[in-house]
Amino acid sequence: MRRAAVFGSGSWGTAYAAILADAGNEVCLWGRRPELVAQVNEQRVNADYLPELVLPAALTATTDAAEAVSGAEIVVLAVPSQSLRANLSAWSALLPADAVVVSLMKGVELGTTRRMSEVIAEAGGVAAERIAVVSGPNLAHEIAAHQPAATVVASIAEATAELVADACATPYFRPYTNADVIGTELGGAVKNVVALAVGMAEGMGMGDNTKATIITRGLAETARLGVALGADPATFAGLAGVGDLIATCMSPLSRNHTFGVNLGRGMSLQEVVAVTRQTAEGVKSCEAILELARRHGIDVPIVENVAAVVHDGASPSKVAESLMSRARKAETT
């Protein structure tokens, strides 16, 4: 039995902690709110995020970061992407020297345009060979219901990817390994922005033709950017690419999709934030992804227009006009 620590008691952090426990590991879930930690330990639920999931007996919770990582072979990070660097400034000294560090986060850091594995290496002082990224079509509520799902565990070190995959393999959760960390992370980050665009289209009353167009062209943007950064194009045809993109863009369980729907219905950014109450990573990351693309000379019109709506106050209807009036070109360019 391995010992694992999971930092972040939101929907996906809690669901992944339960997966690790179901796979036979001893798991400690870190949360910052004492009342949530007490609820996990005493009532075996996280009512704020996954009230339907009865948590396994092998999962405990704590507000003490040092207690959470004590003896851990695997440390999982599931906090909002824009808070990762600040959190690691407090946690890095606590990380066991030989522990594998796993990122569940799907974002790009504002200001630096760093991917989450790069932030972990820089702010956490963790060697790249000890870092793994988990990404795929993994909607937390469906996994909590033990509906079959698959994911990608990516690391530049095969042994690290295999260790994490072995630690999270259950009858309902199937991990595949991959060496393409760049592609796996970009697929997870950019699909959130594309999901905002799809949600906006749905909120404006547009149908499946429109949504399929946005999804497909969004995948093209993701692949263009990924290849420019050194990713394997095949990654975007897999679970961490098109698989995650479809799930996030089409499911009402997706926070980014739901956020976009509300924007498309005419709500302001502040109004949507007030009603959703959870992090929609695409809202924070779209500007960083746009900056990353511009640094590499990559055209990302969907990302650019989503950023215009979210941060510059542009109308979703004007975004549709802007995308449709772009100069025509060959599909594969």
Protein backbone atom coordinates (compact mmCIF):
# COMPACT_ATOMS: atom_id res chain seq x y z
CA MET A 1 0.00 0.00 0.00
CA ARG A 2 1.35 3.39 -1.02
CA ARG A 3 0.70 6.60 0.87
CA ALA A 4 -0.56 9.56 -1.15
CA ALA A 5 -1.34 13.17 -0.30
CA VAL A 6 -3.85 15.23 -2.28
CA PHE A 7 -3.72 19.03 -1.94
CA GLY A 8 -7.07 20.51 -2.91
CA SER A 9 -10.49 19.39 -1.69
CA GLY A 10 -12.62 20.63 -4.60
CA SER A 11 -14.54 18.35 -6.94
CA TRP A 12 -11.65 16.86 -8.88
CA GLY A 13 -9.22 16.72 -5.97
CA THR A 14 -11.79 14.84 -3.89
CA ALA A 15 -12.74 12.51 -6.73
CA TYR A 16 -9.12 11.70 -7.50
CA ALA A 17 -8.36 11.12 -3.82
CA ALA A 18 -11.22 8.61 -3.78
CA ILE A 19 -9.81 6.92 -6.89
CA LEU A 20 -6.43 6.54 -5.20
CA ALA A 21 -8.08 5.07 -2.10
CA ASP A 22 -10.19 2.68 -4.20
CA ALA A 23 -6.98 1.58 -5.93
CA GLY A 24 -5.56 0.44 -2.60
CA ASN A 25 -3.59 3.47 -1.40
CA GLU A 26 -3.70 5.23 1.95
CA VAL A 27 -4.74 8.79 1.12
CA CYS A 28 -4.66 12.06 3.06
CA LEU A 29 -6.67 14.92 1.58
CA TRP A 30 -5.55 18.44 2.48
CA GLY A 31 -8.17 21.17 2.77
CA ARG A 32 -7.91 24.69 4.13
CA ARG A 33 -11.37 24.75 5.79
CA PRO A 34 -11.61 22.93 9.15
CA GLU A 35 -15.36 22.33 8.76
CA LEU A 36 -14.87 20.55 5.43
CA VAL A 37 -12.04 18.42 6.84
CA ALA A 38 -14.18 17.45 9.82
CA GLN A 39 -17.03 16.53 7.51
CA VAL A 40 -14.78 14.25 5.46
CA ASN A 41 -13.41 12.52 8.54
CA GLU A 42 -16.65 12.22 10.49
CA GLN A 43 -19.39 11.94 7.87
CA ARG A 44 -17.37 10.48 4.95
CA VAL A 45 -18.64 13.08 2.47
CA ASN A 46 -17.60 16.36 0.89
CA ALA A 47 -21.05 17.92 0.73
CA ASP A 48 -19.92 21.18 -0.86
CA TYR A 49 -18.50 19.55 -3.98
CA LEU A 50 -19.43 15.85 -4.29
CA PRO A 51 -22.33 15.21 -1.91
CA GLU A 52 -23.26 12.01 -3.71
CA LEU A 53 -19.90 10.30 -3.07
CA VAL A 54 -19.38 8.23 0.07
CA LEU A 55 -15.66 8.50 0.64
CA PRO A 56 -13.56 5.33 1.12
CA ALA A 57 -12.33 4.39 4.57
CA ALA A 58 -8.71 4.66 3.42
CA LEU A 59 -9.18 8.41 2.82
CA THR A 60 -8.68 10.88 5.66
CA ALA A 61 -8.43 14.67 5.67
CA THR A 62 -6.39 17.34 7.42
CA THR A 63 -5.74 21.08 7.40
CA ASP A 64 -2.08 20.45 8.27
CA ALA A 65 0.08 20.32 5.13
CA ALA A 66 2.97 18.66 6.94
CA GLU A 67 0.68 15.92 8.22
CA ALA A 68 -0.75 15.41 4.74
CA VAL A 69 2.63 14.76 3.10
CA SER A 70 4.23 12.79 5.93
CA GLY A 71 5.55 9.60 4.38
CA ALA A 72 3.84 10.23 1.05
CA GLU A 73 5.24 8.56 -2.06
CA ILE A 74 2.81 10.47 -4.27
CA VAL A 75 1.82 14.12 -3.80
CA VAL A 76 -1.12 15.30 -5.91
CA LEU A 77 -1.77 18.99 -6.55
CA ALA A 78 -5.37 19.94 -7.35
CA VAL A 79 -5.58 23.65 -6.50
CA PRO A 80 -6.63 26.44 -8.89
CA SER A 81 -3.83 26.93 -11.41
CA GLN A 82 -3.30 30.62 -10.68
CA SER A 83 -2.74 29.91 -6.97
CA LEU A 84 -0.25 27.07 -7.48
CA ARG A 85 2.95 29.11 -7.25
CA ALA A 86 1.88 30.85 -4.03
CA ASN A 87 0.83 27.56 -2.48
CA LEU A 88 4.09 25.87 -3.40
CA SER A 89 6.03 28.62 -1.66
CA ALA A 90 4.53 27.27 1.55
CA TRP A 91 4.56 23.59 0.66
CA SER A 92 7.83 23.02 -1.20
CA ALA A 93 9.94 22.54 1.91
CA LEU A 94 7.51 19.86 3.11
CA LEU A 95 7.60 17.70 -0.01
CA PRO A 96 9.38 14.36 0.54
CA ALA A 97 12.61 14.35 -1.44
CA ASP A 98 11.75 11.25 -3.46
CA ALA A 99 8.00 11.71 -3.85
CA VAL A 100 6.37 11.84 -7.25
CA VAL A 101 4.39 15.08 -7.72
CA VAL A 102 1.20 14.86 -9.80
CA SER A 103 -0.58 17.80 -11.41
CA LEU A 104 -4.35 17.64 -11.90
CA MET A 105 -4.49 21.30 -12.91
CA LYS A 106 -5.47 22.50 -16.36
CA GLY A 107 -4.24 26.03 -16.85
CA VAL A 108 -1.42 28.33 -17.93
CA GLU A 109 0.03 30.79 -15.42
CA LEU A 110 -0.72 34.45 -15.90
CA GLY A 111 2.35 36.63 -16.31
CA THR A 112 4.83 33.83 -16.95
CA THR A 113 2.81 31.68 -19.44
CA ARG A 114 4.22 28.63 -17.64
CA ARG A 115 2.46 25.29 -17.78
CA MET A 116 1.65 23.74 -14.41
CA SER A 117 4.47 21.19 -14.56
CA GLU A 118 6.89 24.06 -15.17
CA VAL A 119 5.53 25.93 -12.14
CA ILE A 120 5.93 22.78 -10.03
CA ALA A 121 9.56 22.45 -11.16
CA GLU A 122 10.35 26.13 -10.54
CA ALA A 123 8.40 26.92 -7.39
CA GLY A 124 8.49 23.47 -5.85
CA GLY A 125 12.07 22.60 -6.70
CA VAL A 126 10.92 19.27 -8.14
CA ALA A 127 12.97 17.53 -10.83
CA ALA A 128 11.07 17.05 -14.10
CA GLU A 129 11.56 13.28 -13.86
CA ARG A 130 9.47 13.26 -10.67
CA ILE A 131 6.54 15.18 -12.16
CA ALA A 132 3.48 13.61 -13.77
CA VAL A 133 0.41 15.19 -15.32
CA VAL A 134 -3.06 13.57 -15.26
CA SER A 135 -5.51 14.80 -17.88
CA GLY A 136 -8.44 13.49 -19.90
CA PRO A 137 -12.24 13.41 -20.09
CA ASN A 138 -12.62 13.25 -16.32
CA LEU A 139 -15.79 14.99 -15.13
CA ALA A 140 -15.70 14.60 -11.36
CA HIS A 141 -19.40 13.87 -10.77
CA GLU A 142 -19.43 11.04 -13.31
CA ILE A 143 -16.30 9.52 -11.78
CA ALA A 144 -17.87 9.85 -8.33
CA ALA A 145 -20.71 7.70 -9.68
CA HIS A 146 -18.08 5.15 -10.84
CA GLN A 147 -19.03 5.56 -14.49
CA PRO A 148 -16.20 4.14 -16.66
CA ALA A 149 -13.61 6.74 -17.66
CA ALA A 150 -10.04 6.84 -18.92
CA THR A 151 -7.24 9.33 -18.51
CA VAL A 152 -3.66 10.05 -19.55
CA VAL A 153 -0.73 10.02 -17.13
CA ALA A 154 2.12 11.90 -18.78
CA SER A 155 5.73 12.21 -17.63
CA ILE A 156 9.09 12.51 -19.31
CA ALA A 157 10.13 9.55 -17.13
CA GLU A 158 8.39 6.30 -18.02
CA ALA A 159 8.84 4.92 -14.51
CA THR A 160 7.07 7.95 -13.02
CA ALA A 161 4.13 7.64 -15.40
CA GLU A 162 3.85 3.92 -14.70
CA LEU A 163 3.96 4.42 -10.92
CA VAL A 164 1.14 6.99 -11.02
CA ALA A 165 -0.91 4.93 -13.47
CA ASP A 166 -0.60 1.88 -11.23
CA ALA A 167 -1.62 3.94 -8.21
CA CYS A 168 -4.87 5.19 -9.81
CA ALA A 169 -6.06 2.17 -11.80
CA THR A 170 -9.49 0.94 -10.67
CA PRO A 171 -12.32 -1.03 -12.33
CA TYR A 172 -13.96 2.29 -13.27
CA PHE A 173 -10.88 4.44 -13.98
CA ARG A 174 -8.37 3.38 -16.63
CA PRO A 175 -5.07 5.31 -16.98
CA TYR A 176 -2.93 5.31 -20.11
CA THR A 177 0.68 6.54 -20.07
CA ASN A 178 2.28 9.09 -22.39
CA ALA A 179 5.65 10.82 -22.57
CA ASP A 180 4.22 14.04 -24.06
CA VAL A 181 3.83 16.35 -21.06
CA ILE A 182 3.58 19.48 -23.23
CA GLY A 183 0.73 18.17 -25.37
CA THR A 184 -1.12 16.68 -22.43
CA GLU A 185 -1.02 19.94 -20.50
CA LEU A 186 -1.91 22.18 -23.43
CA GLY A 187 -4.83 19.97 -24.39
CA GLY A 188 -6.21 20.33 -20.87
CA ALA A 189 -5.66 24.08 -20.68
CA VAL A 190 -6.89 25.21 -24.09
CA LYS A 191 -10.01 23.02 -24.08
CA ASN A 192 -11.31 25.08 -21.15
CA VAL A 193 -11.21 28.20 -23.31
CA VAL A 194 -12.85 26.40 -26.23
CA ALA A 195 -15.57 25.19 -23.84
CA LEU A 196 -16.30 28.79 -22.90
CA ALA A 197 -16.81 29.55 -26.60
CA VAL A 198 -19.06 26.53 -27.10
CA GLY A 199 -21.06 27.49 -24.03
CA MET A 200 -21.49 31.03 -25.31
CA ALA A 201 -22.80 29.69 -28.61
CA GLU A 202 -25.27 27.47 -26.78
CA GLY A 203 -26.35 30.35 -24.58
CA MET A 204 -27.10 32.38 -27.70
CA GLY A 205 -29.35 29.58 -28.96
CA MET A 206 -26.99 28.13 -31.56
CA GLY A 207 -27.15 24.44 -32.43
CA ASP A 208 -24.88 21.47 -32.97
CA ASN A 209 -23.41 22.62 -36.29
CA THR A 210 -22.06 25.73 -34.61
CA LYS A 211 -20.80 23.87 -31.57
CA ALA A 212 -19.12 21.18 -33.67
CA THR A 213 -17.43 23.88 -35.74
CA ILE A 214 -16.04 25.60 -32.65
CA ILE A 215 -14.85 22.31 -31.15
CA THR A 216 -13.09 21.26 -34.36
CA ARG A 217 -11.45 24.60 -35.01
CA GLY A 218 -10.56 24.85 -31.33
CA LEU A 219 -8.76 21.54 -31.62
CA ALA A 220 -6.87 22.93 -34.62
CA GLU A 221 -5.76 25.93 -32.55
CA THR A 222 -4.65 23.67 -29.72
CA ALA A 223 -2.64 21.45 -32.04
CA ARG A 224 -0.98 24.41 -33.80
CA LEU A 225 0.16 25.86 -30.50
CA GLY A 226 1.19 22.48 -29.14
CA VAL A 227 3.33 21.58 -32.15
CA ALA A 228 5.04 24.99 -31.95
CA LEU A 229 5.97 24.21 -28.36
CA GLY A 230 7.27 20.72 -29.16
CA ALA A 231 4.23 18.53 -28.49
CA ASP A 232 3.46 15.32 -30.33
CA PRO A 233 0.53 15.97 -32.74
CA ALA A 234 -0.86 12.50 -31.95
CA THR A 235 -1.58 13.58 -28.38
CA PHE A 236 -4.34 15.90 -29.58
CA ALA A 237 -6.16 13.00 -31.23
CA GLY A 238 -6.24 11.11 -27.94
CA LEU A 239 -7.84 11.28 -24.51
CA ALA A 240 -5.96 14.39 -23.37
CA GLY A 241 -6.84 16.16 -26.62
CA VAL A 242 -10.11 15.52 -28.42
CA GLY A 243 -11.44 13.28 -25.61
CA ASP A 244 -11.17 15.97 -22.94
CA LEU A 245 -12.30 18.62 -25.41
CA ILE A 246 -15.57 16.84 -26.21
CA ALA A 247 -16.42 16.15 -22.58
CA THR A 248 -15.71 19.69 -21.44
CA CYS A 249 -17.40 21.42 -24.37
CA MET A 250 -20.60 19.37 -24.38
CA SER A 251 -21.38 18.44 -20.78
CA PRO A 252 -23.57 20.54 -18.47
CA LEU A 253 -21.30 19.22 -15.69
CA SER A 254 -18.43 21.26 -17.14
CA ARG A 255 -17.84 24.49 -15.24
CA ASN A 256 -16.31 26.19 -18.27
CA HIS A 257 -19.19 25.17 -20.54
CA THR A 258 -21.76 26.37 -17.99
CA PHE A 259 -19.87 29.62 -17.48
CA GLY A 260 -19.94 30.21 -21.24
CA VAL A 261 -23.66 29.44 -21.48
CA ASN A 262 -24.40 32.13 -18.92
CA LEU A 263 -22.24 34.64 -20.77
CA GLY A 264 -24.06 33.79 -24.00
CA ARG A 265 -27.39 34.42 -22.29
CA GLY A 266 -26.29 37.97 -21.56
CA MET A 267 -25.00 37.76 -18.00
CA SER A 268 -21.98 39.84 -17.08
CA LEU A 269 -18.74 38.24 -15.92
CA GLN A 270 -19.44 39.33 -12.35
CA GLU A 271 -22.96 37.89 -12.46
CA VAL A 272 -21.71 34.54 -13.72
CA VAL A 273 -19.01 34.38 -11.05
CA ALA A 274 -21.67 35.05 -8.41
CA VAL A 275 -23.95 32.21 -9.54
CA THR A 276 -21.36 29.53 -10.40
CA ARG A 277 -19.19 29.82 -7.22
CA GLN A 278 -16.53 27.48 -8.62
CA THR A 279 -13.36 28.05 -10.60
CA ALA A 280 -13.71 28.06 -14.39
CA GLU A 281 -10.05 27.74 -15.33
CA GLY A 282 -10.57 29.02 -18.87
CA VAL A 283 -11.61 32.42 -17.55
CA LYS A 284 -8.27 32.89 -15.81
CA SER A 285 -6.07 31.11 -18.35
CA CYS A 286 -7.35 32.54 -21.66
CA GLU A 287 -5.15 35.63 -21.44
CA ALA A 288 -2.06 33.57 -20.58
CA ILE A 289 -2.74 31.14 -23.44
CA LEU A 290 -3.22 34.04 -25.83
CA GLU A 291 0.07 35.57 -24.70
CA LEU A 292 1.83 32.22 -25.09
CA ALA A 293 0.48 31.88 -28.63
CA ARG A 294 1.52 35.41 -29.57
CA ARG A 295 5.06 34.79 -28.30
CA HIS A 296 5.30 31.88 -30.73
CA GLY A 297 3.49 33.55 -33.62
CA ILE A 298 0.52 31.16 -33.53
CA ASP A 299 -2.94 32.25 -34.68
CA VAL A 300 -5.60 31.35 -32.08
CA PRO A 301 -8.75 33.28 -33.04
CA ILE A 302 -11.13 31.40 -30.73
CA VAL A 303 -8.89 31.97 -27.72
CA GLU A 304 -8.43 35.60 -28.74
CA ASN A 305 -12.16 36.23 -29.02
CA VAL A 306 -12.98 34.48 -25.75
CA ALA A 307 -10.41 36.67 -24.02
CA ALA A 308 -12.10 39.70 -25.60
CA VAL A 309 -15.46 38.70 -24.09
CA VAL A 310 -14.15 37.70 -20.68
CA HIS A 311 -11.66 40.49 -20.10
CA ASP A 312 -12.48 43.31 -22.54
CA GLY A 313 -16.26 43.31 -22.35
CA ALA A 314 -16.87 42.28 -25.98
CA SER A 315 -20.31 40.91 -26.85
CA PRO A 316 -20.55 37.16 -27.60
CA SER A 317 -22.62 38.00 -30.69
CA LYS A 318 -19.79 40.19 -31.99
CA VAL A 319 -17.39 37.32 -31.43
CA ALA A 320 -19.49 35.08 -33.69
CA GLU A 321 -19.44 37.75 -36.40
CA SER A 322 -15.69 38.18 -36.02
CA LEU A 323 -14.94 34.48 -36.38
CA MET A 324 -17.26 34.00 -39.36
CA SER A 325 -15.88 37.01 -41.25
CA ARG A 326 -12.22 35.93 -41.07
CA ALA A 327 -10.39 35.49 -44.37
CA ARG A 328 -10.98 32.07 -45.91
CA LYS A 329 -8.12 29.59 -46.08
CA ALA A 330 -7.38 25.90 -46.49
CA GLU A 331 -8.60 23.84 -43.54
CA THR A 332 -5.24 22.30 -42.75
CA THR A 333 -3.28 25.56 -42.63
